[in-house]
Amino acid sequence: MTRPVTDVKALGAAIRLQRVGRRWTQAEVAARAQVSRRFVSELEAGERTGAELGRVLAVLRALELAITLVDRPPESFAAALGGVLG
């Protein structure tokens, strides 16, 4: 699976999708990653905005996922202006 993840909600959705695809419970992922089930639940919900990176990486490793950093194309002037003006 390759998808751009630019915020915690998208990261949580990608983690949940992988977990459900494997038919694992949050408790199973938590045990494999040595974190709490609550941490996995909050991470999937996008509620762990200040989560320790090491714990997030442990969950990703448990699900056999990895983070790849890629250059993001610069935003066009029109898109930036639209974001400012609404």
N, C-alpha and C. Protein backbone atom coordinates (compact mmCIF):
# COMPACT_ATOMS: atom_id res chain seq x y z
N MET A 1 0.85 -1.17 0.00
CA MET A 1 0.00 0.00 0.00
C MET A 1 0.90 1.23 0.00
N THR A 2 0.63 2.13 -0.91
CA THR A 2 1.35 3.40 -0.95
C THR A 2 0.32 4.50 -1.05
N ARG A 3 0.37 5.40 -0.08
CA ARG A 3 -0.56 6.54 -0.12
C ARG A 3 0.09 7.70 0.61
N PRO A 4 -0.18 8.92 0.16
CA PRO A 4 0.38 10.07 0.86
C PRO A 4 -0.32 10.27 2.20
N VAL A 5 0.47 10.50 3.21
CA VAL A 5 -0.05 10.76 4.55
C VAL A 5 0.53 12.10 4.98
N THR A 6 -0.33 13.09 5.13
CA THR A 6 0.14 14.42 5.47
C THR A 6 -0.41 14.96 6.79
N ASP A 7 -1.24 14.15 7.46
CA ASP A 7 -1.74 14.57 8.77
C ASP A 7 -2.08 13.34 9.61
N VAL A 8 -2.38 13.56 10.88
CA VAL A 8 -2.60 12.43 11.79
C VAL A 8 -3.87 11.65 11.46
N LYS A 9 -4.86 12.30 10.92
CA LYS A 9 -6.09 11.59 10.52
C LYS A 9 -5.80 10.59 9.41
N ALA A 10 -5.03 11.02 8.40
CA ALA A 10 -4.68 10.14 7.29
C ALA A 10 -3.79 8.99 7.77
N LEU A 11 -2.87 9.28 8.69
CA LEU A 11 -2.02 8.23 9.24
C LEU A 11 -2.87 7.21 9.99
N GLY A 12 -3.79 7.69 10.81
CA GLY A 12 -4.67 6.79 11.55
C GLY A 12 -5.52 5.92 10.64
N ALA A 13 -6.04 6.53 9.58
CA ALA A 13 -6.86 5.77 8.62
C ALA A 13 -6.04 4.70 7.92
N ALA A 14 -4.79 5.01 7.58
CA ALA A 14 -3.92 4.03 6.91
C ALA A 14 -3.59 2.87 7.86
N ILE A 15 -3.35 3.19 9.12
CA ILE A 15 -3.07 2.15 10.11
C ILE A 15 -4.29 1.26 10.30
N ARG A 16 -5.45 1.88 10.44
CA ARG A 16 -6.68 1.09 10.62
C ARG A 16 -6.94 0.20 9.42
N LEU A 17 -6.77 0.73 8.22
CA LEU A 17 -7.00 -0.04 7.01
C LEU A 17 -6.10 -1.28 6.97
N GLN A 18 -4.85 -1.10 7.32
CA GLN A 18 -3.91 -2.23 7.33
C GLN A 18 -4.30 -3.24 8.41
N ARG A 19 -4.66 -2.76 9.59
CA ARG A 19 -5.04 -3.67 10.68
C ARG A 19 -6.28 -4.47 10.33
N VAL A 20 -7.29 -3.81 9.81
CA VAL A 20 -8.54 -4.48 9.44
C VAL A 20 -8.28 -5.47 8.30
N GLY A 21 -7.43 -5.07 7.36
CA GLY A 21 -7.09 -5.96 6.26
C GLY A 21 -6.42 -7.25 6.73
N ARG A 22 -5.70 -7.17 7.82
CA ARG A 22 -5.05 -8.35 8.39
C ARG A 22 -5.98 -9.11 9.34
N ARG A 23 -7.14 -8.52 9.60
CA ARG A 23 -8.12 -9.11 10.53
C ARG A 23 -7.57 -9.22 11.95
N TRP A 24 -6.80 -8.20 12.33
CA TRP A 24 -6.26 -8.14 13.68
C TRP A 24 -7.09 -7.17 14.49
N THR A 25 -7.19 -7.42 15.76
CA THR A 25 -7.83 -6.48 16.67
C THR A 25 -6.82 -5.41 17.09
N GLN A 26 -7.33 -4.35 17.64
CA GLN A 26 -6.43 -3.32 18.17
C GLN A 26 -5.57 -3.91 19.27
N ALA A 27 -6.13 -4.80 20.05
CA ALA A 27 -5.37 -5.44 21.14
C ALA A 27 -4.22 -6.27 20.58
N GLU A 28 -4.43 -6.96 19.47
CA GLU A 28 -3.36 -7.75 18.86
C GLU A 28 -2.22 -6.85 18.37
N VAL A 29 -2.57 -5.76 17.73
CA VAL A 29 -1.56 -4.82 17.26
C VAL A 29 -0.81 -4.23 18.45
N ALA A 30 -1.54 -3.86 19.47
CA ALA A 30 -0.92 -3.28 20.67
C ALA A 30 0.07 -4.25 21.29
N ALA A 31 -0.31 -5.51 21.39
CA ALA A 31 0.58 -6.50 21.98
C ALA A 31 1.84 -6.67 21.14
N ARG A 32 1.69 -6.71 19.83
CA ARG A 32 2.85 -6.86 18.94
C ARG A 32 3.77 -5.65 19.01
N ALA A 33 3.18 -4.46 19.18
CA ALA A 33 3.95 -3.21 19.21
C ALA A 33 4.40 -2.83 20.62
N GLN A 34 3.92 -3.56 21.61
CA GLN A 34 4.21 -3.28 23.02
C GLN A 34 3.77 -1.87 23.42
N VAL A 35 2.54 -1.54 23.00
CA VAL A 35 1.88 -0.30 23.41
C VAL A 35 0.49 -0.68 23.91
N SER A 36 -0.23 0.27 24.47
CA SER A 36 -1.57 -0.03 24.96
C SER A 36 -2.58 -0.07 23.81
N ARG A 37 -3.68 -0.79 24.04
CA ARG A 37 -4.74 -0.82 23.04
C ARG A 37 -5.32 0.58 22.88
N ARG A 38 -5.38 1.33 23.97
CA ARG A 38 -5.90 2.70 23.90
C ARG A 38 -5.03 3.56 22.98
N PHE A 39 -3.71 3.35 23.03
CA PHE A 39 -2.82 4.11 22.15
C PHE A 39 -3.15 3.81 20.70
N VAL A 40 -3.33 2.54 20.36
CA VAL A 40 -3.66 2.15 18.99
C VAL A 40 -5.00 2.76 18.59
N SER A 41 -5.98 2.69 19.48
CA SER A 41 -7.30 3.24 19.20
C SER A 41 -7.23 4.75 18.92
N GLU A 42 -6.52 5.47 19.78
CA GLU A 42 -6.41 6.92 19.61
C GLU A 42 -5.58 7.27 18.39
N LEU A 43 -4.56 6.48 18.09
CA LEU A 43 -3.75 6.70 16.89
C LEU A 43 -4.60 6.53 15.64
N GLU A 44 -5.39 5.47 15.59
CA GLU A 44 -6.27 5.23 14.44
C GLU A 44 -7.30 6.34 14.28
N ALA A 45 -7.75 6.91 15.39
CA ALA A 45 -8.76 7.97 15.34
C ALA A 45 -8.16 9.34 15.04
N GLY A 46 -6.84 9.40 14.93
CA GLY A 46 -6.19 10.69 14.67
C GLY A 46 -6.15 11.59 15.88
N GLU A 47 -6.26 11.01 17.06
CA GLU A 47 -6.31 11.79 18.30
C GLU A 47 -4.96 11.88 19.01
N ARG A 48 -3.94 11.23 18.49
CA ARG A 48 -2.63 11.23 19.14
C ARG A 48 -1.69 12.19 18.42
N THR A 49 -2.06 13.47 18.39
CA THR A 49 -1.27 14.46 17.63
C THR A 49 0.13 14.64 18.21
N GLY A 50 0.31 14.39 19.49
CA GLY A 50 1.63 14.54 20.10
C GLY A 50 2.27 13.21 20.43
N ALA A 51 1.90 12.16 19.72
CA ALA A 51 2.40 10.82 20.03
C ALA A 51 3.90 10.73 19.81
N GLU A 52 4.55 10.00 20.70
CA GLU A 52 5.99 9.77 20.58
C GLU A 52 6.27 8.98 19.31
N LEU A 53 7.20 9.47 18.52
CA LEU A 53 7.49 8.85 17.23
C LEU A 53 7.89 7.39 17.38
N GLY A 54 8.65 7.06 18.40
CA GLY A 54 9.07 5.67 18.61
C GLY A 54 7.90 4.73 18.78
N ARG A 55 6.86 5.18 19.47
CA ARG A 55 5.67 4.35 19.66
C ARG A 55 4.88 4.21 18.37
N VAL A 56 4.80 5.29 17.60
CA VAL A 56 4.12 5.23 16.30
C VAL A 56 4.86 4.26 15.39
N LEU A 57 6.18 4.35 15.36
CA LEU A 57 6.97 3.45 14.52
C LEU A 57 6.81 2.00 14.97
N ALA A 58 6.67 1.77 16.27
CA ALA A 58 6.46 0.40 16.76
C ALA A 58 5.15 -0.17 16.21
N VAL A 59 4.12 0.64 16.18
CA VAL A 59 2.83 0.20 15.63
C VAL A 59 2.99 -0.09 14.13
N LEU A 60 3.67 0.79 13.42
CA LEU A 60 3.88 0.58 11.99
C LEU A 60 4.66 -0.70 11.73
N ARG A 61 5.71 -0.94 12.52
CA ARG A 61 6.49 -2.18 12.35
C ARG A 61 5.63 -3.40 12.62
N ALA A 62 4.79 -3.33 13.65
CA ALA A 62 3.91 -4.46 13.98
C ALA A 62 3.00 -4.80 12.81
N LEU A 63 2.60 -3.79 12.07
CA LEU A 63 1.71 -3.99 10.91
C LEU A 63 2.49 -4.16 9.61
N GLU A 64 3.81 -4.24 9.71
CA GLU A 64 4.68 -4.37 8.55
C GLU A 64 4.51 -3.20 7.58
N LEU A 65 4.41 -2.01 8.15
CA LEU A 65 4.34 -0.78 7.39
C LEU A 65 5.62 0.02 7.64
N ALA A 66 5.90 0.97 6.77
CA ALA A 66 7.06 1.84 6.94
C ALA A 66 6.70 3.24 6.46
N ILE A 67 7.47 4.18 6.91
CA ILE A 67 7.31 5.57 6.46
C ILE A 67 8.37 5.85 5.42
N THR A 68 7.96 6.41 4.30
CA THR A 68 8.88 6.84 3.25
C THR A 68 8.69 8.34 3.07
N LEU A 69 9.77 9.08 3.14
CA LEU A 69 9.69 10.52 2.94
C LEU A 69 9.87 10.82 1.46
N VAL A 70 8.97 11.63 0.93
CA VAL A 70 9.04 12.02 -0.47
C VAL A 70 8.89 13.53 -0.58
N ASP A 71 9.48 14.08 -1.61
CA ASP A 71 9.32 15.51 -1.86
C ASP A 71 7.89 15.78 -2.29
N ARG A 72 7.30 16.78 -1.71
CA ARG A 72 5.95 17.17 -2.09
C ARG A 72 6.07 18.34 -3.04
N PRO A 73 5.35 18.30 -4.17
CA PRO A 73 5.44 19.42 -5.11
C PRO A 73 4.96 20.70 -4.44
N PRO A 74 5.58 21.81 -4.80
CA PRO A 74 5.15 23.08 -4.21
C PRO A 74 3.71 23.40 -4.59
N GLU A 75 3.03 24.02 -3.66
CA GLU A 75 1.63 24.40 -3.89
C GLU A 75 1.59 25.55 -4.90
N SER A 76 0.61 25.52 -5.79
CA SER A 76 0.47 26.60 -6.76
C SER A 76 0.05 27.88 -6.02
N PHE A 77 0.32 29.00 -6.63
CA PHE A 77 -0.07 30.27 -6.03
C PHE A 77 -1.59 30.35 -5.83
N ALA A 78 -2.35 29.89 -6.82
CA ALA A 78 -3.82 29.93 -6.73
C ALA A 78 -4.31 29.08 -5.58
N ALA A 79 -3.74 27.89 -5.41
CA ALA A 79 -4.16 27.01 -4.31
C ALA A 79 -3.80 27.64 -2.97
N ALA A 80 -2.61 28.23 -2.86
CA ALA A 80 -2.21 28.88 -1.62
C ALA A 80 -3.13 30.04 -1.30
N LEU A 81 -3.45 30.84 -2.30
CA LEU A 81 -4.33 31.98 -2.12
C LEU A 81 -5.73 31.52 -1.70
N GLY A 82 -6.20 30.45 -2.33
CA GLY A 82 -7.51 29.90 -1.98
C GLY A 82 -7.53 29.40 -0.54
N GLY A 83 -6.42 28.83 -0.08
CA GLY A 83 -6.33 28.38 1.31
C GLY A 83 -6.37 29.52 2.29
N VAL A 84 -5.80 30.65 1.91
CA VAL A 84 -5.79 31.83 2.79
C VAL A 84 -7.16 32.51 2.77
N LEU A 85 -7.74 32.65 1.60
CA LEU A 85 -9.00 33.37 1.46
C LEU A 85 -10.24 32.51 1.72
N GLY A 86 -10.05 31.21 1.65
CA GLY A 86 -11.18 30.31 1.91
C GLY A 86 -11.95 30.01 0.74
